Amino acid sequence: MIGIMSKLTTFVIKRWKLLLNITTVIALLITLYFIRDDLVTTFKNLFHVNGLALLFMIPFEALNYHAQTKLYQKLFGIVENKIEYSTLLKTTLELNFVNHVFPSGGAAGISYFGFRLRGTNITGAKATMVQFIKLLLTVFSFEALILLGVIFLAIGGKVNNFTILVSGVLATLLLVGSALFIYIIGNRQRINSFLEYFTVLLNRLLQVVRPGKDAINIKKARGVFDDFHDTFLQMRQNKQRMRAPFIYALVMNLTEVAVVYTVFVAFGHFVNPGAVILAYGIANIAGFISVLPGGVGIYEALMIAVLLTAGISPKLSLPVIIMYRVLNSILQLPAGYYLYQREISKHGRPPKPAEIL
């Protein structure tokens, strides 16, 4: 019995992301079963949209990439590194492709970012730190959007206890996670203590998956985290200069929500913006743990579920989410793919995510 439990535990540890995704996909299939009578109507509606309204996705996406590029440029400026706008814009497009095609909780993108900027006198640790600060600013700005979303839902009379619970849990997770990261990175001793604990834990887990191999060389990793700490202190000493990056992070979130809302408008539905804000936030967080490219299946299921709690039926939301995902990929991925392929043809393939440290 003990042997069976041990094997089961090992299997769950090795396959937990896969099992979680299978569970979510099963939930999506069950949902589709219960709305099967509406599916024919749903897919017919895919061909009855306002094409002119859909064109507004293009300027929103362009503004989104501009905001991301300026955010990177401002952050590197704070740590006294000047990088051309065009270089960062191309890198941003490539990062989007990498994170969609190589799902790894963002690790692939972090690894590629350092690889991509290696010729600009940017260390891998500094590039990674900038990525983390960008993520923190994105989280903090989204906290403001969650509050705005709840206000919109309240005005529309669509706030129920479950919606408030979802909003509260999402906001709390984002805030606690960000605060914990800042607490750890703000002190060199805490960084080293966390690093040693995390390294031992990760290496033990890896022994289960790949016996005889370690994930992280602790001596090398300590140097990287020291660089993290120095970069973080440099940014913290320039708090007044963080205002512009925060605004650009807010623009990033607003434009992405605007793209989703544009598709609703194209279908002739002016839904409550608060519902779209919450659905977008939860779906994107879930995308970090998906083993499928772009979180396909997981993303759609969660957006539909959250929209349902705000009174938007799957019959209405399903075709919108499908079209948003398809068109969004068509607009973004080809350019990223072209730039990515051009880069690796010149300099070879980037390191694997596990080789960051």
Foldseek 3Di string as FASTA:
>chain_A
DVVVVVVVVLVCLVCVLVVVLVVLLVVVVVVCVVCVVLVVVLVVLLPVFQPVLLVVLVVLVVLLLQLQLVLLQLLCVLVPFHDDSVLSSLLVLLLVQQCQAFQALSLSSLLVQQVSCVVRPAHSLLSSLSVVVLVLLLLVLLLVVLVVLVVLLVVVVLDDPVLVVLSVVLNVVSVVVSVVVCVQLQDLVSVLVVLVVVQVVQQVSVCSVPNPDGLDDSVVVSVSSVVSSVSVVSCVVPVVSCPSSSVSSNSNLVSVLVSLQSLLVRSVHNDRSSLSSSLQSVLVSSSSSHRHRNCPSSSLSSSQVSSVSSPDHCSSVVSSVVVSVVVVCVSRNVSNVVSNVVVCVVVNDGDDSSPSD
